[in-house]
Amino acid sequence: MSEVRIEHVFKRFGAVTAVDDFNLVVKDGEFVSILGPSGCGKTTTLRMIAGFERATEGEIYIGDKCVSSSIKGTFAPPEKRDIGMVFQSYAVWPHMTVAENVGYPLKIQKVAKEERAKRVQEMLELVHLGEYGERYPHQLSGGQQQRVALARALVAQPGLLLLDEPLSNLDAKLRESMRFEILSIQKKLGITVVYVTHDQGEAMAMSDRVVVMSKGVVQQVGAPHDIYTNPANKMVADFIGLVNFIPGEAKGDRVFIKGSNVSFANPTDITGEATVAVRPENISISASGGQLEGTMVARFYLGDAVDYRVQCGDNMVRVIVKGADVDAYPDGSKVYLDFDRVMVFGRD
């Protein structure tokens, strides 16, 4: 296992700052995801940790070793960083068998053939491919190829495992099962993991902590539950899960929905124009009375829930209710909403 320290790291491509003053400590054995939209700098950050990109400024430590420092002029190549890496594209060699693919890092390290075969088989058993050693990649499914890539990354027993969008090429059902497999392997080995994804579900389900990035800047770092329930700003609230943003006005310790007398507690120091934010599952719906009156516009049956669209004045409000009857509130009917766990942000 290895602790990772990233201190004041910048990456510039000409006039463009792709990563802007990134700071993070990943503890031994921790699973940390870097999450954000395309182009936010998350993959560039991972590549700097791996040694595929050189940081413009700042320092990176893996374990006790400084692997990159603009101050000291230090830069260790990837093979000197004690890492394993899994790529989005699997990157398995088509001309090699599964066992040869997995054993390649050990061959490069000149590990004895007998020891190499033993460790390869152990890794294949770990990823549930024990009987597939003599097959070639074209004989495997996408999920099986990704397991081969994972076994290859782990076979040399690295202190740090880096994963770059490893499940994005898999279908939804397979992604879900692979999440569980990767997490169970990580727990079994106790290895430190830095995982890059744009998929909020992956990050929330797998991580000890999540780093949310936007436009090269870290927006928030925290446990999944904390980030979901207490987002630092509108970008995080919008990117993590679903949320309604409603124009509001903050007056002292209350915030009002604009154009109404409906108000909620204001735990912030925001005054004047504000944004009332509430997640769809934190809104209850009734035909008999509530905080906010509206008209049912549309209903979508989701199996275990109903997704409603309710017009409240100038605002379209999304409400998701588990176990609801899709026919309980016909389109065009008057309904009432009650908000819970309201968040308050500035208008920007």
Protein backbone atom coordinates (compact mmCIF):
# COMPACT_ATOMS: atom_id res chain seq x y z
CA MET A 1 0.00 0.00 0.00
CA SER A 2 1.08 3.57 -0.65
CA GLU A 3 -0.04 6.97 0.51
CA VAL A 4 -0.27 9.55 -2.30
CA ARG A 5 0.39 13.24 -1.71
CA ILE A 6 -0.29 15.83 -4.39
CA GLU A 7 0.82 19.32 -3.43
CA HIS A 8 0.00 22.48 -5.40
CA VAL A 9 0.09 20.73 -8.76
CA PHE A 10 -0.57 22.66 -11.95
CA LYS A 11 -0.62 21.43 -15.54
CA ARG A 12 -0.56 23.93 -18.37
CA PHE A 13 -0.76 23.31 -22.11
CA GLY A 14 0.37 26.62 -23.56
CA ALA A 15 -2.06 29.26 -22.33
CA VAL A 16 -4.56 26.66 -21.10
CA THR A 17 -4.45 25.58 -17.45
CA ALA A 18 -5.81 22.03 -17.44
CA VAL A 19 -5.19 21.43 -13.72
CA ASP A 20 -5.15 24.39 -11.35
CA ASP A 21 -3.53 24.08 -7.89
CA PHE A 22 -4.57 20.48 -7.16
CA ASN A 23 -4.01 19.32 -3.56
CA LEU A 24 -4.90 15.90 -2.18
CA VAL A 25 -3.70 13.24 0.26
CA VAL A 26 -4.86 9.68 -0.45
CA LYS A 27 -4.30 7.52 2.60
CA ASP A 28 -2.90 3.97 2.59
CA GLY A 29 -5.62 1.55 1.49
CA GLU A 30 -8.09 4.31 0.60
CA PHE A 31 -10.31 4.26 -2.50
CA VAL A 32 -10.58 7.81 -3.89
CA SER A 33 -12.44 8.74 -7.07
CA ILE A 34 -11.78 11.86 -9.11
CA LEU A 35 -15.12 12.81 -10.63
CA GLY A 36 -16.15 15.47 -13.10
CA PRO A 37 -17.42 16.25 -16.59
CA SER A 38 -15.35 15.69 -19.73
CA GLY A 39 -12.44 18.11 -19.97
CA CYS A 40 -12.35 18.94 -16.24
CA GLY A 41 -8.73 17.76 -15.80
CA LYS A 42 -9.33 14.46 -14.00
CA THR A 43 -7.53 12.21 -16.52
CA THR A 44 -4.66 14.70 -16.80
CA THR A 45 -4.31 14.53 -13.01
CA LEU A 46 -4.22 10.73 -13.10
CA ARG A 47 -1.62 10.79 -15.87
CA MET A 48 0.57 13.08 -13.77
CA ILE A 49 0.33 10.66 -10.83
CA ALA A 50 1.23 7.80 -13.19
CA GLY A 51 4.13 9.67 -14.79
CA PHE A 52 2.66 9.85 -18.31
CA GLU A 53 2.50 13.65 -17.99
CA ARG A 54 4.93 15.95 -16.23
CA ALA A 55 3.38 18.50 -13.87
CA THR A 56 4.13 22.11 -14.76
CA GLU A 57 4.35 23.02 -11.07
CA GLY A 58 4.03 21.23 -7.75
CA GLU A 59 5.07 17.96 -6.15
CA ILE A 60 3.74 14.38 -6.16
CA TYR A 61 4.72 11.75 -3.59
CA ILE A 62 3.91 8.03 -3.75
CA GLY A 63 4.73 6.47 -0.42
CA ASP A 64 7.88 8.15 0.87
CA LYS A 65 9.22 8.81 -2.62
CA CYS A 66 8.98 12.16 -4.39
CA VAL A 67 8.18 11.08 -7.96
CA SER A 68 7.62 14.56 -9.40
CA SER A 69 8.82 17.97 -8.28
CA SER A 70 9.13 21.17 -10.27
CA ILE A 71 11.17 22.63 -7.40
CA LYS A 72 13.73 19.80 -7.14
CA GLY A 73 13.65 18.90 -10.84
CA THR A 74 12.64 15.34 -9.92
CA PHE A 75 10.69 13.14 -12.33
CA ALA A 76 10.40 9.37 -11.99
CA PRO A 77 9.14 7.46 -15.07
CA PRO A 78 6.01 5.28 -14.68
CA GLU A 79 7.97 2.04 -14.22
CA LYS A 80 9.74 3.54 -11.19
CA ARG A 81 6.55 4.59 -9.36
CA ASP A 82 5.28 1.24 -7.98
CA ILE A 83 1.91 1.60 -9.72
CA GLY A 84 -0.51 -0.55 -11.66
CA MET A 85 -2.80 1.07 -14.22
CA VAL A 86 -6.02 0.07 -15.94
CA PHE A 87 -7.10 2.02 -19.02
CA GLN A 88 -10.50 2.72 -20.54
CA SER A 89 -9.61 0.75 -23.68
CA TYR A 90 -8.44 -2.42 -21.77
CA ALA A 91 -5.11 -2.30 -23.69
CA VAL A 92 -4.67 -6.09 -23.73
CA TRP A 93 -2.36 -7.47 -26.40
CA PRO A 94 -4.34 -9.47 -28.99
CA HIS A 95 -1.43 -11.76 -29.95
CA MET A 96 -0.86 -12.94 -26.37
CA THR A 97 -2.89 -15.41 -24.34
CA VAL A 98 -4.64 -14.23 -21.19
CA ALA A 99 -1.86 -15.74 -19.05
CA GLU A 100 0.84 -14.07 -21.18
CA ASN A 101 -0.92 -10.71 -20.93
CA VAL A 102 -1.20 -10.94 -17.16
CA GLY A 103 2.35 -12.21 -16.72
CA TYR A 104 4.02 -9.60 -18.94
CA PRO A 105 4.96 -7.17 -16.12
CA LEU A 106 6.66 -10.05 -14.29
CA LYS A 107 8.50 -11.07 -17.45
CA ILE A 108 9.85 -7.52 -17.77
CA GLN A 109 10.98 -7.74 -14.13
CA LYS A 110 12.73 -11.05 -14.97
CA VAL A 111 10.72 -13.01 -12.38
CA ALA A 112 11.49 -16.74 -12.63
CA LYS A 113 9.13 -18.70 -14.90
CA GLU A 114 7.76 -20.95 -12.14
CA GLU A 115 7.08 -18.03 -9.79
CA ARG A 116 5.59 -16.08 -12.67
CA ALA A 117 3.13 -18.87 -13.51
CA LYS A 118 2.12 -19.17 -9.86
CA ARG A 119 1.41 -15.46 -9.45
CA VAL A 120 -0.42 -15.24 -12.78
CA GLN A 121 -2.73 -18.07 -11.77
CA GLU A 122 -3.37 -16.43 -8.39
CA MET A 123 -4.38 -13.20 -10.14
CA LEU A 124 -6.60 -15.00 -12.63
CA GLU A 125 -8.35 -16.77 -9.77
CA LEU A 126 -8.79 -13.42 -8.02
CA VAL A 127 -10.60 -11.94 -11.05
CA HIS A 128 -12.61 -15.15 -11.68
CA LEU A 129 -10.72 -16.11 -14.84
CA GLY A 130 -8.87 -19.14 -13.49
CA GLU A 131 -9.87 -21.35 -16.43
CA TYR A 132 -9.16 -18.74 -19.13
CA GLY A 133 -5.36 -18.58 -19.11
CA GLU A 134 -4.87 -20.16 -22.54
CA ARG A 135 -7.53 -18.14 -24.33
CA TYR A 136 -6.88 -15.07 -26.47
CA PRO A 137 -8.52 -11.66 -25.97
CA HIS A 138 -10.78 -12.02 -29.02
CA GLN A 139 -12.35 -15.04 -27.32
CA LEU A 140 -13.38 -12.95 -24.30
CA SER A 141 -16.24 -10.54 -23.59
CA GLY A 142 -15.55 -6.88 -22.81
CA GLY A 143 -15.96 -7.52 -19.09
CA GLN A 144 -13.55 -10.45 -19.21
CA GLN A 145 -10.97 -8.37 -21.10
CA GLN A 146 -11.25 -5.68 -18.43
CA ARG A 147 -10.65 -8.34 -15.76
CA VAL A 148 -7.49 -9.38 -17.64
CA ALA A 149 -6.32 -5.74 -17.61
CA LEU A 150 -7.04 -5.55 -13.87
CA ALA A 151 -5.14 -8.78 -13.16
CA ARG A 152 -2.16 -7.51 -15.19
CA ALA A 153 -2.16 -4.23 -13.22
CA LEU A 154 -2.14 -6.12 -9.91
CA VAL A 155 0.22 -9.02 -10.65
CA ALA A 156 3.39 -7.09 -9.80
CA GLN A 157 1.87 -6.22 -6.38
CA PRO A 158 2.00 -2.42 -6.77
CA GLY A 159 1.43 -0.10 -3.84
CA LEU A 160 -0.98 2.04 -5.89
CA LEU A 161 -3.65 1.13 -8.45
CA LEU A 162 -4.77 3.79 -10.96
CA LEU A 163 -7.93 3.30 -13.01
CA ASP A 164 -8.96 5.62 -15.86
CA GLU A 165 -12.66 5.25 -16.77
CA PRO A 166 -12.26 1.45 -16.72
CA LEU A 167 -15.97 0.61 -17.05
CA SER A 168 -17.12 3.19 -19.59
CA ASN A 169 -17.05 0.74 -22.54
CA LEU A 170 -19.23 -1.85 -20.76
CA ASP A 171 -23.02 -2.10 -20.80
CA ALA A 172 -24.98 -0.94 -17.74
CA LYS A 173 -25.54 -4.35 -16.15
CA LEU A 174 -21.91 -5.39 -16.57
CA ARG A 175 -20.70 -2.04 -15.20
CA GLU A 176 -22.67 -2.67 -12.03
CA SER A 177 -21.21 -6.14 -11.48
CA MET A 178 -17.67 -4.92 -12.27
CA ARG A 179 -18.03 -2.13 -9.68
CA PHE A 180 -18.59 -4.79 -7.05
CA GLU A 181 -15.70 -6.93 -8.31
CA ILE A 182 -13.19 -4.07 -8.35
CA LEU A 183 -14.25 -2.92 -4.89
CA SER A 184 -14.12 -6.43 -3.40
CA ILE A 185 -10.63 -6.99 -4.86
CA GLN A 186 -9.47 -3.64 -3.48
CA LYS A 187 -10.78 -4.52 -0.02
CA LYS A 188 -9.22 -8.00 -0.16
CA LEU A 189 -5.77 -6.70 -1.16
CA GLY A 190 -5.92 -3.48 0.88
CA ILE A 191 -4.43 -1.57 -2.05
CA THR A 192 -4.61 2.21 -2.46
CA VAL A 193 -6.80 3.18 -5.43
CA VAL A 194 -7.24 6.40 -7.41
CA TYR A 195 -10.16 5.99 -9.79
CA VAL A 196 -11.16 8.47 -12.51
CA THR A 197 -14.74 8.57 -13.76
CA HIS A 198 -17.45 10.87 -15.10
CA ASP A 199 -20.12 8.49 -13.72
CA GLN A 200 -21.55 9.77 -10.44
CA GLY A 201 -23.05 6.37 -9.61
CA GLU A 202 -19.66 4.67 -9.83
CA ALA A 203 -17.95 7.27 -7.68
CA MET A 204 -20.68 7.29 -5.05
CA ALA A 205 -20.96 3.49 -4.82
CA MET A 206 -17.26 2.62 -4.74
CA SER A 207 -15.35 5.41 -3.01
CA ASP A 208 -14.23 6.21 0.49
CA ARG A 209 -13.92 9.81 -0.71
CA VAL A 210 -14.77 11.67 -3.90
CA VAL A 211 -12.90 14.59 -5.47
CA VAL A 212 -15.22 16.70 -7.66
CA MET A 213 -13.47 18.72 -10.37
CA SER A 214 -14.66 21.35 -12.83
CA LYS A 215 -12.56 23.36 -15.29
CA GLY A 216 -9.33 22.13 -13.74
CA VAL A 217 -10.26 23.17 -10.20
CA VAL A 218 -11.18 20.95 -7.25
CA GLN A 219 -14.69 21.96 -6.16
CA GLN A 220 -15.11 19.64 -3.16
CA VAL A 221 -13.50 16.62 -1.47
CA GLY A 222 -15.47 14.43 0.88
CA ALA A 223 -17.28 11.18 1.61
CA PRO A 224 -20.01 10.39 -0.96
CA HIS A 225 -22.84 11.01 1.53
CA ASP A 226 -21.39 14.37 2.58
CA ILE A 227 -20.97 15.56 -1.00
CA TYR A 228 -24.51 14.50 -1.90
CA THR A 229 -26.22 16.01 1.15
CA ASN A 230 -23.95 19.05 1.62
CA PRO A 231 -22.61 20.09 -1.80
CA ALA A 232 -20.16 23.00 -1.66
CA ASN A 233 -21.74 24.88 -4.56
CA LYS A 234 -24.29 24.70 -7.38
CA MET A 235 -21.90 22.87 -9.71
CA VAL A 236 -21.45 20.01 -7.24
CA ALA A 237 -25.17 19.88 -6.39
CA ASP A 238 -26.05 19.73 -10.08
CA PHE A 239 -23.39 17.20 -11.07
CA ILE A 240 -23.99 14.79 -8.18
CA GLY A 241 -27.51 13.41 -8.52
CA LEU A 242 -30.66 15.32 -9.51
CA VAL A 243 -31.66 18.72 -8.16
CA ASN A 244 -34.26 21.45 -8.67
CA PHE A 245 -32.91 25.02 -8.78
CA ILE A 246 -35.57 27.63 -8.03
CA PRO A 247 -34.96 31.40 -7.98
CA GLY A 248 -35.17 32.79 -4.47
CA GLU A 249 -34.51 35.77 -2.29
CA ALA A 250 -32.66 35.58 1.02
CA LYS A 251 -33.80 37.87 3.83
CA GLY A 252 -31.95 37.36 7.09
CA ASP A 253 -32.41 33.82 8.36
CA ARG A 254 -35.09 32.96 5.74
CA VAL A 255 -34.98 32.38 2.01
CA PHE A 256 -38.14 32.87 -0.05
CA ILE A 257 -39.14 31.33 -3.36
CA LYS A 258 -39.23 34.36 -5.62
CA GLY A 259 -42.70 35.79 -6.09
CA SER A 260 -44.22 33.85 -3.20
CA ASN A 261 -44.57 33.84 0.58
CA VAL A 262 -43.09 30.33 0.79
CA SER A 263 -39.87 30.40 2.79
CA PHE A 264 -37.28 28.09 4.33
CA ALA A 265 -34.45 28.41 6.84
CA ASN A 266 -31.37 30.12 5.43
CA PRO A 267 -28.26 28.59 7.06
CA THR A 268 -25.91 30.67 4.89
CA ASP A 269 -24.76 34.29 4.94
CA ILE A 270 -26.27 34.88 1.49
CA THR A 271 -28.52 37.94 1.21
CA GLY A 272 -30.57 39.20 -1.72
CA GLU A 273 -30.88 37.10 -4.85
CA ALA A 274 -30.39 33.41 -4.11
CA THR A 275 -31.10 29.92 -5.42
CA VAL A 276 -33.31 27.47 -3.55
CA ALA A 277 -32.13 23.91 -4.28
CA VAL A 278 -33.95 20.70 -3.39
CA ARG A 279 -33.49 17.16 -4.61
CA PRO A 280 -36.55 15.50 -6.25
CA GLU A 281 -36.67 12.70 -3.66
CA ASN A 282 -36.85 15.29 -0.85
CA ILE A 283 -40.20 16.64 -2.07
CA SER A 284 -43.52 15.11 -1.03
CA ILE A 285 -46.70 15.53 -3.05
CA SER A 286 -50.32 15.74 -1.94
CA ALA A 287 -53.77 16.65 -3.28
CA SER A 288 -54.89 18.18 0.00
CA GLY A 289 -52.44 20.95 0.91
CA GLY A 290 -48.79 21.85 1.30
CA GLN A 291 -46.19 24.59 1.06
CA LEU A 292 -46.36 25.18 -2.68
CA GLU A 293 -49.31 24.84 -5.05
CA GLY A 294 -48.82 23.58 -8.58
CA THR A 295 -50.32 21.80 -11.58
CA MET A 296 -49.38 18.26 -12.63
CA VAL A 297 -47.82 18.43 -16.10
CA ALA A 298 -46.37 14.94 -16.66
CA ARG A 299 -45.76 11.60 -14.93
CA PHE A 300 -43.14 8.96 -15.76
CA TYR A 301 -43.37 5.44 -14.35
CA LEU A 302 -39.92 4.16 -13.30
CA GLY A 303 -40.94 0.80 -11.84
CA ASP A 304 -39.99 1.41 -8.22
CA ALA A 305 -40.94 5.11 -8.33
CA VAL A 306 -42.88 7.78 -10.21
CA ASP A 307 -41.12 10.82 -11.67
CA TYR A 308 -43.47 13.84 -11.69
CA ARG A 309 -43.21 17.24 -13.37
CA VAL A 310 -45.17 19.93 -11.54
CA GLN A 311 -45.60 23.52 -12.78
CA CYS A 312 -45.41 25.93 -9.83
CA GLY A 313 -45.76 29.46 -11.16
CA ASP A 314 -42.78 30.05 -13.45
CA ASN A 315 -40.91 27.00 -12.14
CA MET A 316 -41.06 23.40 -13.34
CA VAL A 317 -40.38 21.21 -10.31
CA ARG A 318 -39.28 17.58 -10.56
CA VAL A 319 -40.55 15.21 -7.85
CA ILE A 320 -39.60 11.52 -7.47
CA VAL A 321 -41.67 9.40 -5.10
CA LYS A 322 -40.81 5.77 -4.34
CA GLY A 323 -43.68 3.30 -4.49
CA ALA A 324 -46.15 5.92 -5.74
CA ASP A 325 -49.28 5.24 -7.82
CA VAL A 326 -48.71 6.69 -11.30
CA ASP A 327 -52.47 7.38 -11.65
CA ALA A 328 -52.92 9.14 -8.29
CA TYR A 329 -52.46 12.66 -9.73
CA PRO A 330 -53.80 13.01 -13.29
CA ASP A 331 -52.23 15.49 -15.69
CA GLY A 332 -53.77 18.92 -15.17
CA SER A 333 -54.76 18.25 -11.56
CA LYS A 334 -53.94 20.64 -8.71
CA VAL A 335 -51.27 19.30 -6.33
CA TYR A 336 -49.29 20.60 -3.36
CA LEU A 337 -45.61 20.14 -2.61
CA ASP A 338 -43.67 20.09 0.66
CA PHE A 339 -39.89 20.56 0.56
CA ASP A 340 -37.39 18.91 2.90
CA ARG A 341 -33.59 19.33 3.19
CA VAL A 342 -33.56 22.59 1.26
CA MET A 343 -30.16 23.97 0.20
CA VAL A 344 -29.38 27.62 -0.46
CA PHE A 345 -26.82 28.93 -2.98
CA GLY A 346 -26.01 32.24 -4.59
CA ARG A 347 -27.47 33.05 -8.01
CA ASP A 348 -24.15 32.63 -9.91
